[in-house]
């Protein structure tokens, strides 16, 4: 059974930073591309970033390039999203996923990120 548990969300001022973490179990973590998605109220869920198995390929949404960094530690079965220079438009529920669409194996429960004064 695939399980993904995110942590690290919260309330931050514009320009601030947060680091999200996600630990996976129930699947062969080191053999899966991992990704982060987000969904703001009234919007569809969108891809933020993904990272392939040995970090050989990393891609970001244009809206977060230069501000967010995705990384992974296969020994710990964890994937991370370092978010810097946060903006109010980054406010959303952030989801960790095993795989990348259309091939998602499972989703985390989500963690709220709120960027506000």
PDB file of N, CA and C in Angstrom:
ATOM      1  N   UNK A   1       0.854  -1.188   0.000  1.00  0.00           N
ATOM      2  CA  UNK A   1       0.000   0.000   0.000  1.00  0.00           C
ATOM      3  C   UNK A   1       0.894   1.243   0.000  1.00  0.00           C
ATOM      4  N   UNK A   2       0.683   2.078  -1.005  1.00  0.00           N
ATOM      5  CA  UNK A   2       1.478   3.291  -1.128  1.00  0.00           C
ATOM      6  C   UNK A   2       1.069   4.289  -0.047  1.00  0.00           C
ATOM      7  N   UNK A   3       2.056   4.789   0.665  1.00  0.00           N
ATOM      8  CA  UNK A   3       1.804   5.857   1.644  1.00  0.00           C
ATOM      9  C   UNK A   3       2.816   6.967   1.442  1.00  0.00           C
ATOM     10  N   UNK A   4       2.314   8.183   1.426  1.00  0.00           N
ATOM     11  CA  UNK A   4       3.148   9.366   1.309  1.00  0.00           C
ATOM     12  C   UNK A   4       2.691  10.351   2.369  1.00  0.00           C
ATOM     13  N   UNK A   5       3.615  10.839   3.165  1.00  0.00           N
ATOM     14  CA  UNK A   5       3.268  11.740   4.258  1.00  0.00           C
ATOM     15  C   UNK A   5       4.103  13.008   4.127  1.00  0.00           C
ATOM     16  N   UNK A   6       3.394  14.126   3.901  1.00  0.00           N
ATOM     17  CA  UNK A   6       4.065  15.419   3.771  1.00  0.00           C
ATOM     18  C   UNK A   6       4.141  16.120   5.123  1.00  0.00           C
ATOM     19  N   UNK A   7       5.104  17.007   5.232  1.00  0.00           N
ATOM     20  CA  UNK A   7       5.220  17.875   6.401  1.00  0.00           C
ATOM     21  C   UNK A   7       5.947  19.142   5.984  1.00  0.00           C
ATOM     22  N   UNK A   8       5.851  20.160   6.839  1.00  0.00           N
ATOM     23  CA  UNK A   8       6.611  21.377   6.607  1.00  0.00           C
ATOM     24  C   UNK A   8       5.822  22.576   6.130  1.00  0.00           C
ATOM     25  N   UNK A   9       4.536  22.409   5.902  1.00  0.00           N
ATOM     26  CA  UNK A   9       3.730  23.550   5.487  1.00  0.00           C
ATOM     27  C   UNK A   9       3.509  24.523   6.634  1.00  0.00           C
ATOM     28  N   UNK A  10       2.869  25.651   6.313  1.00  0.00           N
ATOM     29  CA  UNK A  10       2.594  26.638   7.347  1.00  0.00           C
ATOM     30  C   UNK A  10       2.309  27.999   6.768  1.00  0.00           C
ATOM     31  N   UNK A  11       2.322  28.989   7.641  1.00  0.00           N
ATOM     32  CA  UNK A  11       2.080  30.384   7.270  1.00  0.00           C
ATOM     33  C   UNK A  11       3.421  31.116   7.225  1.00  0.00           C
ATOM     34  N   UNK A  12       3.648  31.831   6.141  1.00  0.00           N
ATOM     35  CA  UNK A  12       4.903  32.566   5.978  1.00  0.00           C
ATOM     36  C   UNK A  12       4.605  33.898   5.307  1.00  0.00           C
ATOM     37  N   UNK A  13       5.411  34.898   5.609  1.00  0.00           N
ATOM     38  CA  UNK A  13       5.262  36.204   4.972  1.00  0.00           C
ATOM     39  C   UNK A  13       5.817  36.172   3.557  1.00  0.00           C
ATOM     40  N   UNK A  14       5.339  37.061   2.689  1.00  0.00           N
ATOM     41  CA  UNK A  14       5.934  37.157   1.346  1.00  0.00           C
ATOM     42  C   UNK A  14       7.436  37.378   1.430  1.00  0.00           C
ATOM     43  N   UNK A  15       8.156  36.683   0.584  1.00  0.00           N
ATOM     44  CA  UNK A  15       9.610  36.737   0.598  1.00  0.00           C
ATOM     45  C   UNK A  15      10.256  35.694   1.485  1.00  0.00           C
ATOM     46  N   UNK A  16       9.460  35.017   2.281  1.00  0.00           N
ATOM     47  CA  UNK A  16       9.977  34.009   3.197  1.00  0.00           C
ATOM     48  C   UNK A  16      10.223  32.671   2.526  1.00  0.00           C
ATOM     49  N   UNK A  17      10.623  31.697   3.360  1.00  0.00           N
ATOM     50  CA  UNK A  17      10.978  30.372   2.864  1.00  0.00           C
ATOM     51  C   UNK A  17      10.300  29.285   3.684  1.00  0.00           C
ATOM     52  N   UNK A  18      10.067  28.159   3.036  1.00  0.00           N
ATOM     53  CA  UNK A  18       9.591  26.952   3.688  1.00  0.00           C
ATOM     54  C   UNK A  18      10.247  25.758   3.013  1.00  0.00           C
ATOM     55  N   UNK A  19      10.386  24.687   3.769  1.00  0.00           N
ATOM     56  CA  UNK A  19      10.893  23.436   3.211  1.00  0.00           C
ATOM     57  C   UNK A  19       9.880  22.338   3.491  1.00  0.00           C
ATOM     58  N   UNK A  20       9.349  21.774   2.419  1.00  0.00           N
ATOM     59  CA  UNK A  20       8.422  20.660   2.533  1.00  0.00           C
ATOM     60  C   UNK A  20       9.191  19.345   2.440  1.00  0.00           C
ATOM     61  N   UNK A  21       8.724  18.368   3.198  1.00  0.00           N
ATOM     62  CA  UNK A  21       9.297  17.026   3.156  1.00  0.00           C
ATOM     63  C   UNK A  21       8.187  16.018   2.916  1.00  0.00           C
ATOM     64  N   UNK A  22       8.561  14.907   2.308  1.00  0.00           N
ATOM     65  CA  UNK A  22       7.601  13.837   2.053  1.00  0.00           C
ATOM     66  C   UNK A  22       8.338  12.510   2.192  1.00  0.00           C
ATOM     67  N   UNK A  23       7.818  11.645   3.031  1.00  0.00           N
ATOM     68  CA  UNK A  23       8.412  10.319   3.190  1.00  0.00           C
ATOM     69  C   UNK A  23       7.480   9.288   2.577  1.00  0.00           C
ATOM     70  N   UNK A  24       8.053   8.379   1.802  1.00  0.00           N
ATOM     71  CA  UNK A  24       7.263   7.370   1.111  1.00  0.00           C
ATOM     72  C   UNK A  24       7.488   5.978   1.650  1.00  0.00           C
ATOM     73  N   UNK A  25       6.458   5.134   1.544  1.00  0.00           N
ATOM     74  CA  UNK A  25       6.562   3.736   1.919  1.00  0.00           C
ATOM     75  C   UNK A  25       5.562   2.934   1.107  1.00  0.00           C
ATOM     76  N   UNK A  26       5.777   1.609   1.085  1.00  0.00           N
ATOM     77  CA  UNK A  26       4.851   0.742   0.367  1.00  0.00           C
ATOM     78  C   UNK A  26       5.133   0.599  -1.110  1.00  0.00           C
ATOM     79  N   UNK A  27       6.235   1.153  -1.565  1.00  0.00           N
ATOM     80  CA  UNK A  27       6.643   1.006  -2.957  1.00  0.00           C
ATOM     81  C   UNK A  27       8.155   1.190  -3.007  1.00  0.00           C
ATOM     82  N   UNK A  28       8.739   0.886  -4.160  1.00  0.00           N
ATOM     83  CA  UNK A  28      10.194   0.984  -4.302  1.00  0.00           C
ATOM     84  C   UNK A  28      10.567   2.426  -4.622  1.00  0.00           C
ATOM     85  N   UNK A  29      10.769   3.194  -3.572  1.00  0.00           N
ATOM     86  CA  UNK A  29      10.958   4.638  -3.682  1.00  0.00           C
ATOM     87  C   UNK A  29      12.060   4.983  -4.681  1.00  0.00           C
ATOM     88  N   UNK A  30      13.177   4.298  -4.603  1.00  0.00           N
ATOM     89  CA  UNK A  30      14.328   4.631  -5.439  1.00  0.00           C
ATOM     90  C   UNK A  30      14.119   4.372  -6.918  1.00  0.00           C
ATOM     91  N   UNK A  31      13.016   3.703  -7.272  1.00  0.00           N
ATOM     92  CA  UNK A  31      12.736   3.394  -8.675  1.00  0.00           C
ATOM     93  C   UNK A  31      11.615   4.253  -9.243  1.00  0.00           C
ATOM     94  N   UNK A  32      11.186   5.251  -8.484  1.00  0.00           N
ATOM     95  CA  UNK A  32      10.064   6.095  -8.910  1.00  0.00           C
ATOM     96  C   UNK A  32      10.483   7.549  -9.056  1.00  0.00           C
ATOM     97  N   UNK A  33      10.092   8.137 -10.191  1.00  0.00           N
ATOM     98  CA  UNK A  33      10.105   9.594 -10.260  1.00  0.00           C
ATOM     99  C   UNK A  33       9.172  10.119  -9.174  1.00  0.00           C
ATOM    100  N   UNK A  34       9.581  11.188  -8.512  1.00  0.00           N
ATOM    101  CA  UNK A  34       8.756  11.807  -7.479  1.00  0.00           C
ATOM    102  C   UNK A  34       8.416  13.236  -7.898  1.00  0.00           C
ATOM    103  N   UNK A  35       7.279  13.715  -7.448  1.00  0.00           N
ATOM    104  CA  UNK A  35       6.842  15.038  -7.873  1.00  0.00           C
ATOM    105  C   UNK A  35       6.101  15.758  -6.755  1.00  0.00           C
ATOM    106  N   UNK A  36       6.011  17.040  -6.922  1.00  0.00           N
ATOM    107  CA  UNK A  36       5.194  17.901  -6.057  1.00  0.00           C
ATOM    108  C   UNK A  36       4.157  18.603  -6.941  1.00  0.00           C
ATOM    109  N   UNK A  37       2.926  18.607  -6.466  1.00  0.00           N
ATOM    110  CA  UNK A  37       1.828  19.326  -7.104  1.00  0.00           C
ATOM    111  C   UNK A  37       1.262  20.306  -6.083  1.00  0.00           C
ATOM    112  N   UNK A  38       0.461  21.221  -6.567  1.00  0.00           N
ATOM    113  CA  UNK A  38      -0.258  22.118  -5.663  1.00  0.00           C
ATOM    114  C   UNK A  38      -1.629  22.438  -6.225  1.00  0.00           C
ATOM    115  N   UNK A  39      -2.528  22.771  -5.325  1.00  0.00           N
ATOM    116  CA  UNK A  39      -3.886  23.138  -5.719  1.00  0.00           C
ATOM    117  C   UNK A  39      -4.362  24.283  -4.859  1.00  0.00           C
ATOM    118  N   UNK A  40      -4.640  25.400  -5.521  1.00  0.00           N
ATOM    119  CA  UNK A  40      -5.201  26.565  -4.852  1.00  0.00           C
ATOM    120  C   UNK A  40      -6.721  26.507  -4.960  1.00  0.00           C
ATOM    121  N   UNK A  41      -7.441  27.173  -4.048  1.00  0.00           N
ATOM    122  CA  UNK A  41      -8.910  27.156  -4.094  1.00  0.00           C
ATOM    123  C   UNK A  41      -9.433  27.610  -5.456  1.00  0.00           C
ATOM    124  N   UNK A  42     -10.326  26.823  -6.021  1.00  0.00           N
ATOM    125  CA  UNK A  42     -10.921  27.172  -7.302  1.00  0.00           C
ATOM    126  C   UNK A  42     -10.085  26.830  -8.509  1.00  0.00           C
ATOM    127  N   UNK A  43      -8.892  26.317  -8.267  1.00  0.00           N
ATOM    128  CA  UNK A  43      -7.984  25.972  -9.373  1.00  0.00           C
ATOM    129  C   UNK A  43      -7.792  24.464  -9.482  1.00  0.00           C
ATOM    130  N   UNK A  44      -7.340  24.033 -10.644  1.00  0.00           N
ATOM    131  CA  UNK A  44      -6.981  22.624 -10.811  1.00  0.00           C
ATOM    132  C   UNK A  44      -5.617  22.362 -10.166  1.00  0.00           C
ATOM    133  N   UNK A  45      -5.399  21.106  -9.833  1.00  0.00           N
ATOM    134  CA  UNK A  45      -4.103  20.704  -9.301  1.00  0.00           C
ATOM    135  C   UNK A  45      -3.058  20.846 -10.416  1.00  0.00           C
ATOM    136  N   UNK A  46      -1.926  21.451 -10.076  1.00  0.00           N
ATOM    137  CA  UNK A  46      -0.898  21.690 -11.083  1.00  0.00           C
ATOM    138  C   UNK A  46       0.450  21.146 -10.627  1.00  0.00           C
ATOM    139  N   UNK A  47       1.244  20.732 -11.605  1.00  0.00           N
ATOM    140  CA  UNK A  47       2.586  20.228 -11.325  1.00  0.00           C
ATOM    141  C   UNK A  47       3.504  21.390 -10.943  1.00  0.00           C
ATOM    142  N   UNK A  48       4.217  21.218  -9.847  1.00  0.00           N
ATOM    143  CA  UNK A  48       5.198  22.213  -9.412  1.00  0.00           C
ATOM    144  C   UNK A  48       6.599  21.811  -9.863  1.00  0.00           C
ATOM    145  N   UNK A  49       6.955  20.543  -9.601  1.00  0.00           N
ATOM    146  CA  UNK A  49       8.299  20.063  -9.950  1.00  0.00           C
ATOM    147  C   UNK A  49       8.317  18.544  -9.904  1.00  0.00           C
ATOM    148  N   UNK A  50       9.236  17.948 -10.669  1.00  0.00           N
ATOM    149  CA  UNK A  50       9.466  16.515 -10.534  1.00  0.00           C
ATOM    150  C   UNK A  50      10.948  16.221 -10.619  1.00  0.00           C
ATOM    151  N   UNK A  51      11.315  15.064 -10.080  1.00  0.00           N
ATOM    152  CA  UNK A  51      12.712  14.652 -10.035  1.00  0.00           C
ATOM    153  C   UNK A  51      12.773  13.162 -10.332  1.00  0.00           C
ATOM    154  N   UNK A  52      13.628  12.763 -11.251  1.00  0.00           N
ATOM    155  CA  UNK A  52      13.709  11.357 -11.619  1.00  0.00           C
ATOM    156  C   UNK A  52      14.532  10.574 -10.595  1.00  0.00           C
ATOM    157  N   UNK A  53      14.650   9.279 -10.807  1.00  0.00           N
ATOM    158  CA  UNK A  53      15.103   8.361  -9.769  1.00  0.00           C
ATOM    159  C   UNK A  53      16.450   8.698  -9.155  1.00  0.00           C
ATOM    160  N   UNK A  54      17.421   9.058  -9.997  1.00  0.00           N
ATOM    161  CA  UNK A  54      18.741   9.406  -9.459  1.00  0.00           C
ATOM    162  C   UNK A  54      19.036  10.885  -9.635  1.00  0.00           C
ATOM    163  N   UNK A  55      17.967  11.660  -9.729  1.00  0.00           N
ATOM    164  CA  UNK A  55      18.051  13.121  -9.839  1.00  0.00           C
ATOM    165  C   UNK A  55      18.691  13.572 -11.143  1.00  0.00           C
ATOM    166  N   UNK A  56      18.677  12.684 -12.151  1.00  0.00           N
ATOM    167  CA  UNK A  56      19.314  13.063 -13.414  1.00  0.00           C
ATOM    168  C   UNK A  56      18.490  14.067 -14.200  1.00  0.00           C
ATOM    169  N   UNK A  57      17.197  14.079 -13.979  1.00  0.00           N
ATOM    170  CA  UNK A  57      16.328  15.045 -14.650  1.00  0.00           C
ATOM    171  C   UNK A  57      15.441  15.711 -13.614  1.00  0.00           C
ATOM    172  N   UNK A  58      15.433  17.027 -13.637  1.00  0.00           N
ATOM    173  CA  UNK A  58      14.601  17.827 -12.739  1.00  0.00           C
ATOM    174  C   UNK A  58      13.917  18.895 -13.584  1.00  0.00           C
ATOM    175  N   UNK A  59      12.623  19.039 -13.389  1.00  0.00           N
ATOM    176  CA  UNK A  59      11.858  20.043 -14.128  1.00  0.00           C
ATOM    177  C   UNK A  59      10.975  20.826 -13.163  1.00  0.00           C
ATOM    178  N   UNK A  60      10.768  22.097 -13.501  1.00  0.00           N
ATOM    179  CA  UNK A  60       9.943  22.982 -12.678  1.00  0.00           C
ATOM    180  C   UNK A  60       8.890  23.667 -13.534  1.00  0.00           C
ATOM    181  N   UNK A  61       7.781  24.002 -12.895  1.00  0.00           N
ATOM    182  CA  UNK A  61       6.823  24.890 -13.528  1.00  0.00           C
ATOM    183  C   UNK A  61       7.481  26.261 -13.702  1.00  0.00           C
ATOM    184  N   UNK A  62       7.121  26.941 -14.763  1.00  0.00           N
ATOM    185  CA  UNK A  62       7.713  28.256 -15.024  1.00  0.00           C
ATOM    186  C   UNK A  62       7.505  29.211 -13.851  1.00  0.00           C
ATOM    187  N   UNK A  63       6.379  29.075 -13.175  1.00  0.00           N
ATOM    188  CA  UNK A  63       6.027  30.008 -12.104  1.00  0.00           C
ATOM    189  C   UNK A  63       6.932  29.889 -10.881  1.00  0.00           C
ATOM    190  N   UNK A  64       7.676  28.776 -10.755  1.00  0.00           N
ATOM    191  CA  UNK A  64       8.517  28.585  -9.567  1.00  0.00           C
ATOM    192  C   UNK A  64      10.003  28.482  -9.900  1.00  0.00           C
ATOM    193  N   UNK A  65      10.344  28.506 -11.169  1.00  0.00           N
ATOM    194  CA  UNK A  65      11.758  28.396 -11.563  1.00  0.00           C
ATOM    195  C   UNK A  65      12.585  29.488 -10.917  1.00  0.00           C
ATOM    196  N   UNK A  66      13.737  29.093 -10.377  1.00  0.00           N
ATOM    197  CA  UNK A  66      14.631  30.037  -9.733  1.00  0.00           C
ATOM    198  C   UNK A  66      14.301  30.305  -8.281  1.00  0.00           C
ATOM    199  N   UNK A  67      13.140  29.824  -7.825  1.00  0.00           N
ATOM    200  CA  UNK A  67      12.735  30.044  -6.425  1.00  0.00           C
ATOM    201  C   UNK A  67      12.598  28.740  -5.647  1.00  0.00           C
ATOM    202  N   UNK A  68      12.163  27.684  -6.311  1.00  0.00           N
ATOM    203  CA  UNK A  68      11.937  26.392  -5.654  1.00  0.00           C
ATOM    204  C   UNK A  68      13.016  25.405  -6.097  1.00  0.00           C
ATOM    205  N   UNK A  69      13.365  24.487  -5.187  1.00  0.00           N
ATOM    206  CA  UNK A  69      14.322  23.433  -5.491  1.00  0.00           C
ATOM    207  C   UNK A  69      13.782  22.098  -4.990  1.00  0.00           C
ATOM    208  N   UNK A  70      13.690  21.135  -5.888  1.00  0.00           N
ATOM    209  CA  UNK A  70      13.283  19.791  -5.501  1.00  0.00           C
ATOM    210  C   UNK A  70      14.527  18.926  -5.352  1.00  0.00           C
ATOM    211  N   UNK A  71      14.506  18.039  -4.354  1.00  0.00           N
ATOM    212  CA  UNK A  71      15.624  17.118  -4.147  1.00  0.00           C
ATOM    213  C   UNK A  71      15.090  15.843  -3.513  1.00  0.00           C
ATOM    214  N   UNK A  72      15.928  14.833  -3.453  1.00  0.00           N
ATOM    215  CA  UNK A  72      15.486  13.565  -2.867  1.00  0.00           C
ATOM    216  C   UNK A  72      16.651  12.869  -2.184  1.00  0.00           C
ATOM    217  N   UNK A  73      16.304  12.016  -1.230  1.00  0.00           N
ATOM    218  CA  UNK A  73      17.275  11.163  -0.538  1.00  0.00           C
ATOM    219  C   UNK A  73      16.704   9.753  -0.589  1.00  0.00           C
ATOM    220  N   UNK A  74      17.196   8.944  -1.502  1.00  0.00           N
ATOM    221  CA  UNK A  74      16.627   7.608  -1.695  1.00  0.00           C
ATOM    222  C   UNK A  74      16.872   6.703  -0.488  1.00  0.00           C
ATOM    223  N   UNK A  75      17.957   6.896   0.218  1.00  0.00           N
ATOM    224  CA  UNK A  75      18.232   6.082   1.403  1.00  0.00           C
ATOM    225  C   UNK A  75      17.187   6.329   2.492  1.00  0.00           C
ATOM    226  N   UNK A  76      16.730   7.573   2.588  1.00  0.00           N
ATOM    227  CA  UNK A  76      15.706   7.916   3.585  1.00  0.00           C
ATOM    228  C   UNK A  76      14.296   7.820   3.029  1.00  0.00           C
ATOM    229  N   UNK A  77      14.166   7.566   1.722  1.00  0.00           N
ATOM    230  CA  UNK A  77      12.861   7.504   1.051  1.00  0.00           C
ATOM    231  C   UNK A  77      12.116   8.828   1.224  1.00  0.00           C
ATOM    232  N   UNK A  78      12.841   9.903   1.037  1.00  0.00           N
ATOM    233  CA  UNK A  78      12.248  11.227   1.206  1.00  0.00           C
ATOM    234  C   UNK A  78      12.481  12.091  -0.037  1.00  0.00           C
ATOM    235  N   UNK A  79      11.530  12.966  -0.292  1.00  0.00           N
ATOM    236  CA  UNK A  79      11.658  13.987  -1.315  1.00  0.00           C
ATOM    237  C   UNK A  79      11.337  15.326  -0.664  1.00  0.00           C
ATOM    238  N   UNK A  80      12.012  16.364  -1.129  1.00  0.00           N
ATOM    239  CA  UNK A  80      11.917  17.676  -0.501  1.00  0.00           C
ATOM    240  C   UNK A  80      11.564  18.742  -1.529  1.00  0.00           C
ATOM    241  N   UNK A  81      10.979  19.826  -1.030  1.00  0.00           N
ATOM    242  CA  UNK A  81      10.748  20.997  -1.862  1.00  0.00           C
ATOM    243  C   UNK A  81      11.150  22.216  -1.046  1.00  0.00           C
ATOM    244  N   UNK A  82      12.287  22.799  -1.397  1.00  0.00           N
ATOM    245  CA  UNK A  82      12.731  24.035  -0.772  1.00  0.00           C
ATOM    246  C   UNK A  82      12.102  25.198  -1.524  1.00  0.00           C
ATOM    247  N   UNK A  83      11.358  26.027  -0.821  1.00  0.00           N
ATOM    248  CA  UNK A  83      10.631  27.128  -1.437  1.00  0.00           C
ATOM    249  C   UNK A  83      11.153  28.445  -0.876  1.00  0.00           C
ATOM    250  N   UNK A  84      11.744  29.242  -1.726  1.00  0.00           N
ATOM    251  CA  UNK A  84      12.285  30.546  -1.338  1.00  0.00           C
ATOM    252  C   UNK A  84      11.530  31.656  -2.055  1.00  0.00           C
ATOM    253  N   UNK A  85      11.697  32.869  -1.555  1.00  0.00           N
ATOM    254  CA  UNK A  85      11.062  34.048  -2.175  1.00  0.00           C
ATOM    255  C   UNK A  85       9.577  33.796  -2.420  1.00  0.00           C
ATOM    256  N   UNK A  86       8.905  33.298  -1.412  1.00  0.00           N
ATOM    257  CA  UNK A  86       7.496  32.923  -1.573  1.00  0.00           C
ATOM    258  C   UNK A  86       6.629  34.140  -1.839  1.00  0.00           C
ATOM    259  N   UNK A  87       5.604  33.921  -2.648  1.00  0.00           N
ATOM    260  CA  UNK A  87       4.663  34.960  -3.057  1.00  0.00           C
ATOM    261  C   UNK A  87       3.258  34.557  -2.622  1.00  0.00           C
ATOM    262  N   UNK A  88       2.353  35.517  -2.484  1.00  0.00           N
ATOM    263  CA  UNK A  88       0.974  35.160  -2.121  1.00  0.00           C
ATOM    264  C   UNK A  88       0.351  34.163  -3.098  1.00  0.00           C
ATOM    265  N   UNK A  89       0.717  34.233  -4.360  1.00  0.00           N
ATOM    266  CA  UNK A  89       0.162  33.305  -5.350  1.00  0.00           C
ATOM    267  C   UNK A  89       0.694  31.881  -5.214  1.00  0.00           C
ATOM    268  N   UNK A  90       1.654  31.668  -4.322  1.00  0.00           N
ATOM    269  CA  UNK A  90       2.113  30.311  -4.024  1.00  0.00           C
ATOM    270  C   UNK A  90       1.217  29.632  -2.996  1.00  0.00           C
ATOM    271  N   UNK A  91       0.281  30.360  -2.425  1.00  0.00           N
ATOM    272  CA  UNK A  91      -0.643  29.796  -1.448  1.00  0.00           C
ATOM    273  C   UNK A  91      -1.457  28.671  -2.076  1.00  0.00           C
ATOM    274  N   UNK A  92      -1.393  27.501  -1.452  1.00  0.00           N
ATOM    275  CA  UNK A  92      -2.072  26.319  -1.994  1.00  0.00           C
ATOM    276  C   UNK A  92      -1.868  25.153  -1.034  1.00  0.00           C
ATOM    277  N   UNK A  93      -2.589  24.076  -1.294  1.00  0.00           N
ATOM    278  CA  UNK A  93      -2.266  22.799  -0.666  1.00  0.00           C
ATOM    279  C   UNK A  93      -1.255  22.115  -1.567  1.00  0.00           C
ATOM    280  N   UNK A  94      -0.146  21.700  -0.974  1.00  0.00           N
ATOM    281  CA  UNK A  94       0.927  21.046  -1.717  1.00  0.00           C
ATOM    282  C   UNK A  94       0.866  19.538  -1.477  1.00  0.00           C
ATOM    283  N   UNK A  95       0.951  18.799  -2.587  1.00  0.00           N
ATOM    284  CA  UNK A  95       0.846  17.342  -2.538  1.00  0.00           C
ATOM    285  C   UNK A  95       2.126  16.708  -3.078  1.00  0.00           C
ATOM    286  N   UNK A  96       2.576  15.709  -2.391  1.00  0.00           N
ATOM    287  CA  UNK A  96       3.655  14.860  -2.852  1.00  0.00           C
ATOM    288  C   UNK A  96       3.025  13.710  -3.648  1.00  0.00           C
ATOM    289  N   UNK A  97       3.684  13.283  -4.711  1.00  0.00           N
ATOM    290  CA  UNK A  97       3.164  12.183  -5.519  1.00  0.00           C
ATOM    291  C   UNK A  97       4.283  11.242  -5.924  1.00  0.00           C
ATOM    292  N   UNK A  98       3.946   9.959  -5.939  1.00  0.00           N
ATOM    293  CA  UNK A  98       4.850   8.944  -6.479  1.00  0.00           C
ATOM    294  C   UNK A  98       4.550   8.820  -7.956  1.00  0.00           C
ATOM    295  N   UNK A  99       5.495   9.265  -8.777  1.00  0.00           N
ATOM    296  CA  UNK A  99       5.274   9.300 -10.206  1.00  0.00           C
ATOM    297  C   UNK A  99       4.933  10.708 -10.653  1.00  0.00           C
ATOM    298  N   UNK A 100       4.599  10.819 -11.922  1.00  0.00           N
ATOM    299  CA  UNK A 100       4.168  12.095 -12.488  1.00  0.00           C
ATOM    300  C   UNK A 100       3.075  11.784 -13.500  1.00  0.00           C
ATOM    301  N   UNK A 101       2.086  12.652 -13.577  1.00  0.00           N
ATOM    302  CA  UNK A 101       0.942  12.388 -14.444  1.00  0.00           C
ATOM    303  C   UNK A 101       1.379  12.211 -15.888  1.00  0.00           C
ATOM    304  N   UNK A 102       0.773  11.205 -16.582  1.00  0.00           N
ATOM    305  CA  UNK A 102      -0.407  10.439 -16.190  1.00  0.00           C
ATOM    306  C   UNK A 102      -0.136   9.187 -15.355  1.00  0.00           C
ATOM    307  N   UNK A 103       1.080   8.979 -14.886  1.00  0.00           N
ATOM    308  CA  UNK A 103       1.411   7.742 -14.173  1.00  0.00           C
ATOM    309  C   UNK A 103       1.623   7.927 -12.693  1.00  0.00           C
ATOM    310  N   UNK A 104       0.605   8.404 -11.964  1.00  0.00           N
ATOM    311  CA  UNK A 104       0.712   8.599 -10.516  1.00  0.00           C
ATOM    312  C   UNK A 104       0.356   7.300  -9.798  1.00  0.00           C
ATOM    313  N   UNK A 105       1.280   6.846  -8.944  1.00  0.00           N
ATOM    314  CA  UNK A 105       1.055   5.633  -8.164  1.00  0.00           C
ATOM    315  C   UNK A 105       0.258   5.932  -6.909  1.00  0.00           C
ATOM    316  N   UNK A 106       0.460   7.120  -6.340  1.00  0.00           N
ATOM    317  CA  UNK A 106      -0.245   7.494  -5.128  1.00  0.00           C
ATOM    318  C   UNK A 106       0.043   8.937  -4.759  1.00  0.00           C
ATOM    319  N   UNK A 107      -0.823   9.489  -3.901  1.00  0.00           N
ATOM    320  CA  UNK A 107      -0.742  10.879  -3.454  1.00  0.00           C
ATOM    321  C   UNK A 107      -0.608  10.940  -1.945  1.00  0.00           C
ATOM    322  N   UNK A 108       0.050  11.987  -1.463  1.00  0.00           N
ATOM    323  CA  UNK A 108       0.010  12.289  -0.049  1.00  0.00           C
ATOM    324  C   UNK A 108      -1.284  12.985   0.305  1.00  0.00           C
ATOM    325  N   UNK A 109      -1.438  13.283   1.601  1.00  0.00           N
ATOM    326  CA  UNK A 109      -2.676  13.897   2.070  1.00  0.00           C
ATOM    327  C   UNK A 109      -2.680  15.398   1.849  1.00  0.00           C
ATOM    328  N   UNK A 110      -1.519  15.973   1.572  1.00  0.00           N
ATOM    329  CA  UNK A 110      -1.416  17.410   1.315  1.00  0.00           C
ATOM    330  C   UNK A 110      -1.006  18.188   2.550  1.00  0.00           C
ATOM    331  N   UNK A 111      -0.309  19.285   2.327  1.00  0.00           N
ATOM    332  CA  UNK A 111       0.080  20.190   3.399  1.00  0.00           C
ATOM    333  C   UNK A 111      -0.188  21.620   2.943  1.00  0.00           C
ATOM    334  N   UNK A 112      -0.797  22.409   3.818  1.00  0.00           N
ATOM    335  CA  UNK A 112      -1.198  23.774   3.456  1.00  0.00           C
ATOM    336  C   UNK A 112      -0.008  24.723   3.546  1.00  0.00           C
ATOM    337  N   UNK A 113       0.174  25.497   2.502  1.00  0.00           N
ATOM    338  CA  UNK A 113       1.143  26.591   2.500  1.00  0.00           C
ATOM    339  C   UNK A 113       0.373  27.878   2.274  1.00  0.00           C
ATOM    340  N   UNK A 114       0.520  28.823   3.199  1.00  0.00           N
ATOM    341  CA  UNK A 114      -0.154  30.107   3.101  1.00  0.00           C
ATOM    342  C   UNK A 114       0.892  31.204   3.159  1.00  0.00           C
ATOM    343  N   UNK A 115       0.888  32.055   2.126  1.00  0.00           N
ATOM    344  CA  UNK A 115       1.828  33.175   2.058  1.00  0.00           C
ATOM    345  C   UNK A 115       1.020  34.452   2.194  1.00  0.00           C
ATOM    346  N   UNK A 116       1.200  35.140   3.310  1.00  0.00           N
ATOM    347  CA  UNK A 116       0.372  36.303   3.591  1.00  0.00           C
ATOM    348  C   UNK A 116       1.068  37.200   4.597  1.00  0.00           C
ATOM    349  N   UNK A 117       0.693  38.498   4.545  1.00  0.00           N
ATOM    350  CA  UNK A 117       1.240  39.442   5.520  1.00  0.00           C
ATOM    351  C   UNK A 117       0.630  39.193   6.892  1.00  0.00           C
TER     352      UNK A 117
END
